[in-house]
Amino acid sequence: MFSYSDEIHSRYPYLKDLILYKEALHIIVEVDNEMNVTIQGMNGHYQKHSPEDIGIGNTWNGVSIEARTPSVYIQMKG
């Protein structure tokens, strides 16, 4: 179930508690001439194991740990 080799885990035992994303989660923010904001999110993946695999669900301490970032459009009122 470890994400790294046994040698690395023996040197850094706390790595066993990590669930790693396959790619860095990010967003792209665009602001147009009218100050409307478009946020383009992404759907990512986990490297080997997901939170569901170990039974902790999609949140940790009330914060989403899903492998995704949301897309949002914010329109300025004129």
Protein backbone atom coordinates (compact mmCIF):
# COMPACT_ATOMS: atom_id res chain seq x y z
CA MET A 1 0.00 0.00 0.00
CA PHE A 2 3.01 2.30 0.25
CA SER A 3 3.57 4.92 -2.45
CA TYR A 4 7.36 4.72 -2.31
CA SER A 5 9.93 1.92 -1.99
CA ASP A 6 10.48 0.07 1.30
CA GLU A 7 13.89 1.77 1.60
CA ILE A 8 12.37 5.25 1.39
CA HIS A 9 9.61 4.33 3.84
CA SER A 10 12.15 2.99 6.33
CA ARG A 11 14.02 6.33 6.19
CA TYR A 12 10.83 8.43 6.31
CA PRO A 13 8.17 6.44 8.17
CA TYR A 14 5.55 9.21 8.07
CA LEU A 15 5.25 8.88 4.28
CA LYS A 16 2.99 5.89 4.85
CA ASP A 17 0.27 8.31 5.98
CA LEU A 18 0.23 10.28 2.71
CA ILE A 19 -2.27 9.95 -0.10
CA LEU A 20 -0.66 11.53 -3.14
CA TYR A 21 -2.23 13.26 -6.12
CA LYS A 22 -0.96 12.14 -9.53
CA GLU A 23 -0.72 15.69 -10.83
CA ALA A 24 -0.56 19.04 -9.06
CA LEU A 25 -4.05 20.44 -8.55
CA HIS A 26 -4.45 23.90 -10.04
CA ILE A 27 -6.90 26.44 -11.44
CA ILE A 28 -6.67 29.01 -14.24
CA VAL A 29 -8.16 32.42 -13.47
CA GLU A 30 -9.22 34.83 -16.22
CA VAL A 31 -10.54 38.36 -15.68
CA ASP A 32 -12.20 40.12 -18.64
CA ASN A 33 -12.56 43.85 -19.38
CA GLU A 34 -15.82 44.02 -17.39
CA MET A 35 -14.09 42.43 -14.37
CA ASN A 36 -15.99 39.15 -14.74
CA VAL A 37 -13.95 36.26 -13.39
CA THR A 38 -13.74 32.80 -14.92
CA ILE A 39 -12.08 30.09 -12.87
CA GLN A 40 -11.26 26.92 -14.81
CA GLY A 41 -10.83 23.97 -12.49
CA MET A 42 -9.59 20.48 -13.24
CA ASN A 43 -10.31 16.85 -12.49
CA GLY A 44 -7.22 15.09 -11.20
CA HIS A 45 -6.34 11.62 -9.98
CA TYR A 46 -4.64 9.93 -7.06
CA GLN A 47 -1.30 8.14 -7.59
CA LYS A 48 -2.07 4.74 -6.11
CA HIS A 49 -4.63 4.98 -3.34
CA SER A 50 -7.62 7.23 -2.79
CA PRO A 51 -9.10 8.36 0.52
CA GLU A 52 -12.00 5.98 -0.16
CA ASP A 53 -9.52 3.08 -0.37
CA ILE A 54 -8.66 3.57 3.30
CA GLY A 55 -12.15 4.57 4.39
CA ILE A 56 -11.77 8.28 5.20
CA GLY A 57 -14.12 9.74 2.57
CA ASN A 58 -13.75 12.96 0.58
CA THR A 59 -13.09 15.41 3.44
CA TRP A 60 -10.41 15.80 6.07
CA ASN A 61 -11.03 18.15 9.00
CA GLY A 62 -13.96 19.65 7.11
CA VAL A 63 -11.96 20.38 3.94
CA SER A 64 -12.40 18.61 0.60
CA ILE A 65 -9.49 16.37 -0.36
CA GLU A 66 -10.97 15.31 -3.67
CA ALA A 67 -8.58 15.21 -6.62
CA ARG A 68 -10.33 18.10 -8.34
CA THR A 69 -10.72 21.85 -8.27
CA PRO A 70 -14.04 23.51 -9.15
CA SER A 71 -14.84 25.74 -12.12
CA VAL A 72 -16.70 28.96 -11.34
CA TYR A 73 -17.92 32.03 -13.24
CA ILE A 74 -18.37 35.26 -11.27
CA GLN A 75 -20.17 38.07 -13.07
CA MET A 76 -19.75 41.62 -11.84
CA LYS A 77 -23.00 43.47 -11.36
CA GLY A 78 -23.15 46.59 -13.41
